[in-house]
Amino acid sequence: MAQTQRKNLPAWWLYVKSIIRQYPELKKKLETPLEPKISRGPGISYTMIVKNGKTERAVTFEGLSRSTSSPVENCVIHDLPPKEQRKFDAVDNAIRQTKILHPYDYQWRLEIINLVYFKKSNTIAGAALKVGCHTNTAGAWQAEFIRLVAEELDLP
């Protein structure tokens, strides 16, 4: 029976499910600050007097100063590579859409997605038991969320 159900699914269905599973990793990547970039400044001049018997001579060393260029912006404000950013935005927008379209039960709907796709700790049936809804309801909520992500990705 599982194979007959899979035949009716669109070609992109499994692809979208894999994108949903990647969301927590992409979110963590986006929220992790980057290492500060070190830039080389104009240079600082140091003078040292060397005593050689009676003669004193000045030796100048040209050093390079190291400073961070826009440390806050470079570390905190950054995007993912374009393909990953598009995947992240699609799932993030689907989460927002779920909250807008279903103001009374979005917590349960998103908990199903969280348990099945983000935490990967439950099946649809197990997540339905934890949330307290029927397996068919959880499956319908999951399917609707997958379609929302697909719409965000402009899939047919």
Protein backbone atom coordinates (compact mmCIF):
# COMPACT_ATOMS: atom_id res chain seq x y z
CA MET A 1 0.00 0.00 0.00
CA ALA A 2 2.88 2.36 0.70
CA GLN A 3 4.06 2.04 -2.90
CA THR A 4 0.66 2.93 -4.34
CA GLN A 5 0.56 6.06 -2.18
CA ARG A 6 4.05 7.06 -3.35
CA LYS A 7 2.99 6.78 -7.00
CA ASN A 8 0.44 9.55 -6.44
CA LEU A 9 2.97 11.95 -4.92
CA PRO A 10 4.52 14.72 -7.01
CA ALA A 11 8.10 14.21 -8.18
CA TRP A 12 9.38 16.94 -5.86
CA TRP A 13 7.80 15.53 -2.67
CA LEU A 14 10.89 13.73 -1.30
CA TYR A 15 13.13 16.63 -2.33
CA VAL A 16 11.04 19.07 -0.28
CA LYS A 17 11.04 16.69 2.70
CA SER A 18 14.86 16.62 2.57
CA ILE A 19 14.93 20.44 2.52
CA ILE A 20 12.70 20.56 5.60
CA ARG A 21 15.08 18.16 7.37
CA GLN A 22 18.02 20.51 6.59
CA TYR A 23 16.35 23.54 8.21
CA PRO A 24 17.79 23.19 11.76
CA GLU A 25 21.33 22.83 10.38
CA LEU A 26 20.89 25.86 8.10
CA LYS A 27 19.42 27.90 10.96
CA LYS A 28 22.37 27.02 13.19
CA LYS A 29 24.80 27.99 10.40
CA LEU A 30 23.06 31.31 9.93
CA GLU A 31 23.02 32.11 13.65
CA THR A 32 26.67 31.19 14.24
CA PRO A 33 28.89 34.29 14.15
CA LEU A 34 31.75 34.22 11.68
CA GLU A 35 35.37 34.58 12.71
CA PRO A 36 36.55 38.21 12.63
CA LYS A 37 38.46 39.14 9.51
CA ILE A 38 41.91 40.60 10.09
CA SER A 39 43.05 43.35 7.77
CA ARG A 40 46.49 44.80 7.47
CA GLY A 41 46.67 48.49 8.27
CA PRO A 42 49.08 51.17 7.05
CA GLY A 43 52.00 50.24 9.27
CA ILE A 44 53.56 51.48 12.44
CA SER A 45 57.09 52.74 12.69
CA TYR A 46 59.29 51.68 15.61
CA THR A 47 62.66 53.34 16.30
CA MET A 48 65.37 51.58 18.25
CA ILE A 49 68.75 53.01 19.27
CA VAL A 50 71.60 50.54 18.97
CA LYS A 51 74.72 51.34 20.93
CA ASN A 52 77.83 50.10 19.23
CA GLY A 53 80.76 51.34 21.23
CA LYS A 54 80.61 55.12 20.87
CA THR A 55 78.41 55.16 17.80
CA GLU A 56 74.64 55.35 18.08
CA ARG A 57 72.46 54.74 15.11
CA ALA A 58 68.74 54.71 14.69
CA VAL A 59 67.16 51.66 13.16
CA THR A 60 63.54 51.93 12.00
CA PHE A 61 61.31 48.90 11.63
CA GLU A 62 58.18 49.17 9.58
CA GLY A 63 55.59 46.91 11.17
CA LEU A 64 52.14 46.10 9.95
CA SER A 65 49.25 46.79 12.27
CA ARG A 66 46.52 44.19 12.48
CA SER A 67 42.98 45.39 13.02
CA THR A 68 39.51 44.08 12.40
CA SER A 69 37.46 45.76 9.72
CA SER A 70 33.82 46.21 10.82
CA PRO A 71 33.97 43.41 13.40
CA VAL A 72 30.30 43.45 14.37
CA GLU A 73 29.01 43.49 10.81
CA ASN A 74 31.46 40.87 9.56
CA CYS A 75 30.79 38.48 12.42
CA VAL A 76 27.08 38.78 12.97
CA ILE A 77 25.42 39.92 9.74
CA HIS A 78 25.95 37.30 7.07
CA ASP A 79 23.98 35.15 4.68
CA LEU A 80 24.18 31.55 3.68
CA PRO A 81 25.30 30.61 0.17
CA PRO A 82 22.44 31.41 -2.28
CA LYS A 83 21.11 27.84 -2.67
CA GLU A 84 21.13 27.21 1.08
CA GLN A 85 19.61 30.64 1.76
CA ARG A 86 16.74 29.85 -0.61
CA LYS A 87 16.05 26.54 1.17
CA PHE A 88 16.19 28.23 4.58
CA ASP A 89 13.86 31.03 3.46
CA ALA A 90 11.36 28.56 1.98
CA VAL A 91 10.99 26.62 5.24
CA ASP A 92 11.07 29.78 7.37
CA ASN A 93 8.32 31.36 5.26
CA ALA A 94 6.26 28.16 5.45
CA ILE A 95 6.52 28.32 9.25
CA ARG A 96 5.31 31.93 9.18
CA GLN A 97 2.48 31.03 6.78
CA THR A 98 1.37 28.21 9.09
CA LYS A 99 1.18 30.63 12.01
CA ILE A 100 -0.90 33.08 9.93
CA LEU A 101 -3.21 30.54 8.28
CA HIS A 102 -3.87 28.49 11.42
CA PRO A 103 -3.76 30.83 14.44
CA TYR A 104 -5.57 28.38 16.74
CA ASP A 105 -3.62 25.18 16.13
CA TYR A 106 -0.29 26.21 14.59
CA GLN A 107 1.60 25.10 17.73
CA TRP A 108 0.49 21.50 17.23
CA ARG A 109 1.06 21.59 13.50
CA LEU A 110 4.61 22.89 13.94
CA GLU A 111 5.25 20.43 16.76
CA ILE A 112 4.48 17.59 14.32
CA ILE A 113 7.03 19.05 11.87
CA ASN A 114 9.52 19.61 14.69
CA LEU A 115 9.32 16.02 15.97
CA VAL A 116 9.33 14.34 12.55
CA TYR A 117 11.69 16.53 10.50
CA PHE A 118 13.75 18.78 12.77
CA LYS A 119 14.42 16.49 15.74
CA LYS A 120 13.91 13.32 13.66
CA SER A 121 12.73 11.59 16.83
CA ASN A 122 9.27 10.39 15.80
CA THR A 123 7.24 9.05 12.93
CA ILE A 124 4.01 10.80 11.98
CA ALA A 125 2.08 8.32 14.14
CA GLY A 126 4.39 8.86 17.13
CA ALA A 127 4.27 12.64 16.77
CA ALA A 128 0.46 12.47 16.55
CA LEU A 129 0.38 10.57 19.84
CA LYS A 130 2.62 13.16 21.52
CA VAL A 131 0.59 16.09 20.21
CA GLY A 132 -2.75 14.41 20.87
CA CYS A 133 -4.31 14.24 17.44
CA HIS A 134 -5.23 11.48 15.02
CA THR A 135 -2.55 10.08 12.72
CA ASN A 136 -4.56 11.12 9.66
CA THR A 137 -4.75 14.69 10.97
CA ALA A 138 -1.00 14.78 11.58
CA GLY A 139 -0.42 13.41 8.08
CA ALA A 140 -2.67 16.09 6.58
CA TRP A 141 -0.85 18.82 8.52
CA GLN A 142 2.49 17.46 7.37
CA ALA A 143 1.31 17.33 3.74
CA GLU A 144 0.04 20.91 3.92
CA PHE A 145 3.39 22.08 5.31
CA ILE A 146 5.29 20.25 2.56
CA ARG A 147 3.08 21.96 -0.04
CA LEU A 148 3.72 25.37 1.56
CA VAL A 149 7.49 24.81 1.29
CA ALA A 150 7.07 23.67 -2.31
CA GLU A 151 5.11 26.84 -3.13
CA GLU A 152 7.89 28.94 -1.60
CA LEU A 153 10.37 27.12 -3.85
CA ASP A 154 8.13 27.71 -6.90
CA LEU A 155 7.71 24.01 -7.51
CA PRO A 156 4.70 22.90 -9.60
